[in-house]
């Protein structure tokens, strides 16, 4: 299994924002960097939802496009 397949397998493409971001990258032909960006964005969103006001605010310093 290559890196792209591994990353694609852990992204929740049923989540509307991730699915939209995925489709925007050359109709789903994402680079490893693009996939990592989608995954990171998804993980940050989930982390904030799960931890509410107690999430690690250092995450806010991560810059996404």
PDB file of N, CA and C in Angstrom:
ATOM      1  N   UNK A   1       0.854  -1.175   0.000  1.00  0.00           N
ATOM      2  CA  UNK A   1       0.000   0.000   0.000  1.00  0.00           C
ATOM      3  C   UNK A   1       0.901   1.240   0.000  1.00  0.00           C
ATOM      4  N   UNK A   2       0.664   2.168  -0.925  1.00  0.00           N
ATOM      5  CA  UNK A   2       1.499   3.372  -0.984  1.00  0.00           C
ATOM      6  C   UNK A   2       0.982   4.446  -0.027  1.00  0.00           C
ATOM      7  N   UNK A   3       1.764   5.499   0.157  1.00  0.00           N
ATOM      8  CA  UNK A   3       1.424   6.552   1.112  1.00  0.00           C
ATOM      9  C   UNK A   3       0.077   7.187   0.807  1.00  0.00           C
ATOM     10  N   UNK A   4      -0.178   7.450  -0.468  1.00  0.00           N
ATOM     11  CA  UNK A   4      -1.443   8.097  -0.842  1.00  0.00           C
ATOM     12  C   UNK A   4      -2.624   7.222  -0.440  1.00  0.00           C
ATOM     13  N   UNK A   5      -2.543   5.927  -0.686  1.00  0.00           N
ATOM     14  CA  UNK A   5      -3.631   5.015  -0.323  1.00  0.00           C
ATOM     15  C   UNK A   5      -3.844   4.972   1.188  1.00  0.00           C
ATOM     16  N   UNK A   6      -2.754   4.996   1.939  1.00  0.00           N
ATOM     17  CA  UNK A   6      -2.853   4.966   3.398  1.00  0.00           C
ATOM     18  C   UNK A   6      -3.561   6.224   3.896  1.00  0.00           C
ATOM     19  N   UNK A   7      -3.139   7.374   3.410  1.00  0.00           N
ATOM     20  CA  UNK A   7      -3.747   8.632   3.850  1.00  0.00           C
ATOM     21  C   UNK A   7      -5.217   8.676   3.447  1.00  0.00           C
ATOM     22  N   UNK A   8      -5.512   8.284   2.215  1.00  0.00           N
ATOM     23  CA  UNK A   8      -6.910   8.273   1.751  1.00  0.00           C
ATOM     24  C   UNK A   8      -7.770   7.363   2.622  1.00  0.00           C
ATOM     25  N   UNK A   9      -7.194   6.285   3.110  1.00  0.00           N
ATOM     26  CA  UNK A   9      -7.977   5.327   3.898  1.00  0.00           C
ATOM     27  C   UNK A   9      -8.359   5.873   5.271  1.00  0.00           C
ATOM     28  N   UNK A  10      -7.644   6.881   5.771  1.00  0.00           N
ATOM     29  CA  UNK A  10      -7.985   7.405   7.094  1.00  0.00           C
ATOM     30  C   UNK A  10      -8.727   8.739   7.047  1.00  0.00           C
ATOM     31  N   UNK A  11      -8.875   9.319   5.871  1.00  0.00           N
ATOM     32  CA  UNK A  11      -9.676  10.537   5.739  1.00  0.00           C
ATOM     33  C   UNK A  11     -11.146  10.127   5.679  1.00  0.00           C
ATOM     34  N   UNK A  12     -11.979  10.834   6.428  1.00  0.00           N
ATOM     35  CA  UNK A  12     -13.419  10.563   6.419  1.00  0.00           C
ATOM     36  C   UNK A  12     -14.047  11.350   5.274  1.00  0.00           C
ATOM     37  N   UNK A  13     -14.149  10.706   4.118  1.00  0.00           N
ATOM     38  CA  UNK A  13     -14.691  11.389   2.944  1.00  0.00           C
ATOM     39  C   UNK A  13     -16.209  11.523   2.993  1.00  0.00           C
ATOM     40  N   UNK A  14     -16.838  10.973   4.028  1.00  0.00           N
ATOM     41  CA  UNK A  14     -18.274  11.192   4.219  1.00  0.00           C
ATOM     42  C   UNK A  14     -18.533  12.547   4.872  1.00  0.00           C
ATOM     43  N   UNK A  15     -17.485  13.134   5.419  1.00  0.00           N
ATOM     44  CA  UNK A  15     -17.593  14.453   6.032  1.00  0.00           C
ATOM     45  C   UNK A  15     -17.602  15.466   4.886  1.00  0.00           C
ATOM     46  N   UNK A  16     -18.655  16.298   4.801  1.00  0.00           N
ATOM     47  CA  UNK A  16     -18.833  17.174   3.634  1.00  0.00           C
ATOM     48  C   UNK A  16     -17.644  18.080   3.303  1.00  0.00           C
ATOM     49  N   UNK A  17     -17.027  18.697   4.309  1.00  0.00           N
ATOM     50  CA  UNK A  17     -15.923  19.611   4.033  1.00  0.00           C
ATOM     51  C   UNK A  17     -14.708  18.865   3.478  1.00  0.00           C
ATOM     52  N   UNK A  18     -14.412  17.703   4.030  1.00  0.00           N
ATOM     53  CA  UNK A  18     -13.282  16.899   3.541  1.00  0.00           C
ATOM     54  C   UNK A  18     -13.556  16.420   2.119  1.00  0.00           C
ATOM     55  N   UNK A  19     -14.774  16.000   1.884  1.00  0.00           N
ATOM     56  CA  UNK A  19     -15.151  15.529   0.552  1.00  0.00           C
ATOM     57  C   UNK A  19     -15.020  16.650  -0.477  1.00  0.00           C
ATOM     58  N   UNK A  20     -15.453  17.857  -0.104  1.00  0.00           N
ATOM     59  CA  UNK A  20     -15.347  19.016  -1.005  1.00  0.00           C
ATOM     60  C   UNK A  20     -13.878  19.339  -1.272  1.00  0.00           C
ATOM     61  N   UNK A  21     -13.062  19.358  -0.217  1.00  0.00           N
ATOM     62  CA  UNK A  21     -11.638  19.648  -0.382  1.00  0.00           C
ATOM     63  C   UNK A  21     -10.969  18.602  -1.272  1.00  0.00           C
ATOM     64  N   UNK A  22     -11.340  17.351  -1.070  1.00  0.00           N
ATOM     65  CA  UNK A  22     -10.779  16.244  -1.856  1.00  0.00           C
ATOM     66  C   UNK A  22     -11.119  16.416  -3.338  1.00  0.00           C
ATOM     67  N   UNK A  23     -12.374  16.754  -3.613  1.00  0.00           N
ATOM     68  CA  UNK A  23     -12.820  16.911  -5.002  1.00  0.00           C
ATOM     69  C   UNK A  23     -12.163  18.122  -5.683  1.00  0.00           C
ATOM     70  N   UNK A  24     -11.813  19.136  -4.899  1.00  0.00           N
ATOM     71  CA  UNK A  24     -11.204  20.339  -5.459  1.00  0.00           C
ATOM     72  C   UNK A  24      -9.778  20.075  -5.957  1.00  0.00           C
ATOM     73  N   UNK A  25      -9.112  19.066  -5.424  1.00  0.00           N
ATOM     74  CA  UNK A  25      -7.738  18.758  -5.827  1.00  0.00           C
ATOM     75  C   UNK A  25      -7.779  17.923  -7.103  1.00  0.00           C
ATOM     76  N   UNK A  26      -7.789  18.554  -8.227  1.00  0.00           N
ATOM     77  CA  UNK A  26      -7.757  17.840  -9.520  1.00  0.00           C
ATOM     78  C   UNK A  26      -8.716  16.666  -9.575  1.00  0.00           C
ATOM     79  N   UNK A  27      -9.949  16.911  -9.186  1.00  0.00           N
ATOM     80  CA  UNK A  27     -10.996  15.880  -9.216  1.00  0.00           C
ATOM     81  C   UNK A  27     -10.609  14.636  -8.426  1.00  0.00           C
ATOM     82  N   UNK A  28     -10.042  14.838  -7.247  1.00  0.00           N
ATOM     83  CA  UNK A  28      -9.708  13.714  -6.386  1.00  0.00           C
ATOM     84  C   UNK A  28      -8.312  13.155  -6.582  1.00  0.00           C
ATOM     85  N   UNK A  29      -7.553  13.722  -7.501  1.00  0.00           N
ATOM     86  CA  UNK A  29      -6.187  13.252  -7.724  1.00  0.00           C
ATOM     87  C   UNK A  29      -5.236  14.090  -6.871  1.00  0.00           C
ATOM     88  N   UNK A  30      -5.269  13.851  -5.556  1.00  0.00           N
ATOM     89  CA  UNK A  30      -4.514  14.660  -4.604  1.00  0.00           C
ATOM     90  C   UNK A  30      -3.067  14.199  -4.489  1.00  0.00           C
ATOM     91  N   UNK A  31      -2.212  15.145  -4.225  1.00  0.00           N
ATOM     92  CA  UNK A  31      -0.835  14.812  -3.878  1.00  0.00           C
ATOM     93  C   UNK A  31      -0.803  14.368  -2.419  1.00  0.00           C
ATOM     94  N   UNK A  32       0.318  13.827  -1.984  1.00  0.00           N
ATOM     95  CA  UNK A  32       0.455  13.447  -0.579  1.00  0.00           C
ATOM     96  C   UNK A  32       0.273  14.669   0.313  1.00  0.00           C
ATOM     97  N   UNK A  33       0.806  15.802  -0.107  1.00  0.00           N
ATOM     98  CA  UNK A  33       0.690  17.032   0.674  1.00  0.00           C
ATOM     99  C   UNK A  33      -0.766  17.476   0.759  1.00  0.00           C
ATOM    100  N   UNK A  34      -1.468  17.429  -0.355  1.00  0.00           N
ATOM    101  CA  UNK A  34      -2.882  17.810  -0.361  1.00  0.00           C
ATOM    102  C   UNK A  34      -3.699  16.920   0.556  1.00  0.00           C
ATOM    103  N   UNK A  35      -3.442  15.626   0.503  1.00  0.00           N
ATOM    104  CA  UNK A  35      -4.166  14.698   1.371  1.00  0.00           C
ATOM    105  C   UNK A  35      -3.844  14.945   2.838  1.00  0.00           C
ATOM    106  N   UNK A  36      -2.582  15.218   3.128  1.00  0.00           N
ATOM    107  CA  UNK A  36      -2.189  15.507   4.512  1.00  0.00           C
ATOM    108  C   UNK A  36      -2.867  16.775   5.012  1.00  0.00           C
ATOM    109  N   UNK A  37      -2.996  17.760   4.143  1.00  0.00           N
ATOM    110  CA  UNK A  37      -3.665  19.003   4.518  1.00  0.00           C
ATOM    111  C   UNK A  37      -5.140  18.740   4.840  1.00  0.00           C
ATOM    112  N   UNK A  38      -5.795  17.936   4.009  1.00  0.00           N
ATOM    113  CA  UNK A  38      -7.201  17.592   4.255  1.00  0.00           C
ATOM    114  C   UNK A  38      -7.322  16.834   5.573  1.00  0.00           C
ATOM    115  N   UNK A  39      -6.445  15.868   5.805  1.00  0.00           N
ATOM    116  CA  UNK A  39      -6.482  15.083   7.044  1.00  0.00           C
ATOM    117  C   UNK A  39      -6.223  15.965   8.257  1.00  0.00           C
ATOM    118  N   UNK A  40      -5.237  16.835   8.180  1.00  0.00           N
ATOM    119  CA  UNK A  40      -4.922  17.715   9.300  1.00  0.00           C
ATOM    120  C   UNK A  40      -6.098  18.627   9.629  1.00  0.00           C
ATOM    121  N   UNK A  41      -6.704  19.194   8.616  1.00  0.00           N
ATOM    122  CA  UNK A  41      -7.866  20.067   8.802  1.00  0.00           C
ATOM    123  C   UNK A  41      -8.990  19.299   9.495  1.00  0.00           C
ATOM    124  N   UNK A  42      -9.193  18.060   9.064  1.00  0.00           N
ATOM    125  CA  UNK A  42     -10.235  17.222   9.649  1.00  0.00           C
ATOM    126  C   UNK A  42      -9.911  16.879  11.108  1.00  0.00           C
ATOM    127  N   UNK A  43      -8.656  16.544  11.386  1.00  0.00           N
ATOM    128  CA  UNK A  43      -8.257  16.196  12.743  1.00  0.00           C
ATOM    129  C   UNK A  43      -8.378  17.388  13.692  1.00  0.00           C
ATOM    130  N   UNK A  44      -8.021  18.576  13.226  1.00  0.00           N
ATOM    131  CA  UNK A  44      -8.150  19.775  14.056  1.00  0.00           C
ATOM    132  C   UNK A  44      -9.616  20.023  14.386  1.00  0.00           C
ATOM    133  N   UNK A  45     -10.470  19.919  13.395  1.00  0.00           N
ATOM    134  CA  UNK A  45     -11.910  20.141  13.605  1.00  0.00           C
ATOM    135  C   UNK A  45     -12.460  19.134  14.622  1.00  0.00           C
ATOM    136  N   UNK A  46     -12.115  17.862  14.462  1.00  0.00           N
ATOM    137  CA  UNK A  46     -12.582  16.834  15.393  1.00  0.00           C
ATOM    138  C   UNK A  46     -12.051  17.074  16.803  1.00  0.00           C
ATOM    139  N   UNK A  47     -10.782  17.455  16.902  1.00  0.00           N
ATOM    140  CA  UNK A  47     -10.172  17.712  18.201  1.00  0.00           C
ATOM    141  C   UNK A  47     -10.887  18.847  18.926  1.00  0.00           C
ATOM    142  N   UNK A  48     -11.199  19.924  18.204  1.00  0.00           N
ATOM    143  CA  UNK A  48     -11.907  21.050  18.810  1.00  0.00           C
ATOM    144  C   UNK A  48     -13.304  20.636  19.256  1.00  0.00           C
ATOM    145  N   UNK A  49     -13.999  19.853  18.434  1.00  0.00           N
ATOM    146  CA  UNK A  49     -15.348  19.409  18.788  1.00  0.00           C
ATOM    147  C   UNK A  49     -15.336  18.509  20.016  1.00  0.00           C
ATOM    148  N   UNK A  50     -14.354  17.622  20.104  1.00  0.00           N
ATOM    149  CA  UNK A  50     -14.282  16.672  21.213  1.00  0.00           C
ATOM    150  C   UNK A  50     -13.831  17.316  22.521  1.00  0.00           C
ATOM    151  N   UNK A  51     -12.999  18.351  22.435  1.00  0.00           N
ATOM    152  CA  UNK A  51     -12.413  18.927  23.640  1.00  0.00           C
ATOM    153  C   UNK A  51     -12.984  20.287  24.020  1.00  0.00           C
ATOM    154  N   UNK A  52     -13.865  20.810  23.188  1.00  0.00           N
ATOM    155  CA  UNK A  52     -14.509  22.076  23.512  1.00  0.00           C
ATOM    156  C   UNK A  52     -13.510  23.148  23.883  1.00  0.00           C
ATOM    157  N   UNK A  53     -13.782  23.846  24.984  1.00  0.00           N
ATOM    158  CA  UNK A  53     -12.910  24.947  25.377  1.00  0.00           C
ATOM    159  C   UNK A  53     -11.567  24.474  25.908  1.00  0.00           C
ATOM    160  N   UNK A  54     -11.396  23.162  26.095  1.00  0.00           N
ATOM    161  CA  UNK A  54     -10.149  22.637  26.655  1.00  0.00           C
ATOM    162  C   UNK A  54      -9.174  22.128  25.603  1.00  0.00           C
ATOM    163  N   UNK A  55      -9.454  22.360  24.328  1.00  0.00           N
ATOM    164  CA  UNK A  55      -8.543  21.873  23.301  1.00  0.00           C
ATOM    165  C   UNK A  55      -7.230  22.648  23.362  1.00  0.00           C
ATOM    166  N   UNK A  56      -6.183  22.050  22.853  1.00  0.00           N
ATOM    167  CA  UNK A  56      -4.849  22.645  22.867  1.00  0.00           C
ATOM    168  C   UNK A  56      -4.822  23.820  21.900  1.00  0.00           C
ATOM    169  N   UNK A  57      -4.754  25.014  22.417  1.00  0.00           N
ATOM    170  CA  UNK A  57      -4.831  26.216  21.582  1.00  0.00           C
ATOM    171  C   UNK A  57      -3.603  26.394  20.683  1.00  0.00           C
ATOM    172  N   UNK A  58      -2.544  25.646  20.926  1.00  0.00           N
ATOM    173  CA  UNK A  58      -1.391  25.698  20.022  1.00  0.00           C
ATOM    174  C   UNK A  58      -1.782  25.274  18.616  1.00  0.00           C
ATOM    175  N   UNK A  59      -2.838  24.473  18.523  1.00  0.00           N
ATOM    176  CA  UNK A  59      -3.322  24.024  17.217  1.00  0.00           C
ATOM    177  C   UNK A  59      -3.717  25.219  16.358  1.00  0.00           C
ATOM    178  N   UNK A  60      -4.179  26.298  16.981  1.00  0.00           N
ATOM    179  CA  UNK A  60      -4.586  27.482  16.218  1.00  0.00           C
ATOM    180  C   UNK A  60      -3.419  28.118  15.479  1.00  0.00           C
ATOM    181  N   UNK A  61      -2.196  27.812  15.872  1.00  0.00           N
ATOM    182  CA  UNK A  61      -1.030  28.382  15.216  1.00  0.00           C
ATOM    183  C   UNK A  61      -0.631  27.624  13.950  1.00  0.00           C
ATOM    184  N   UNK A  62      -1.279  26.493  13.674  1.00  0.00           N
ATOM    185  CA  UNK A  62      -1.017  25.741  12.450  1.00  0.00           C
ATOM    186  C   UNK A  62      -1.715  26.459  11.309  1.00  0.00           C
ATOM    187  N   UNK A  63      -0.971  26.795  10.297  1.00  0.00           N
ATOM    188  CA  UNK A  63      -1.530  27.543   9.180  1.00  0.00           C
ATOM    189  C   UNK A  63      -1.901  26.611   8.034  1.00  0.00           C
ATOM    190  N   UNK A  64      -3.158  26.624   7.667  1.00  0.00           N
ATOM    191  CA  UNK A  64      -3.626  25.909   6.494  1.00  0.00           C
ATOM    192  C   UNK A  64      -3.953  26.952   5.430  1.00  0.00           C
ATOM    193  N   UNK A  65      -4.052  26.509   4.203  1.00  0.00           N
ATOM    194  CA  UNK A  65      -4.373  27.462   3.141  1.00  0.00           C
ATOM    195  C   UNK A  65      -5.709  28.077   3.350  1.00  0.00           C
TER     196      UNK A  65
END
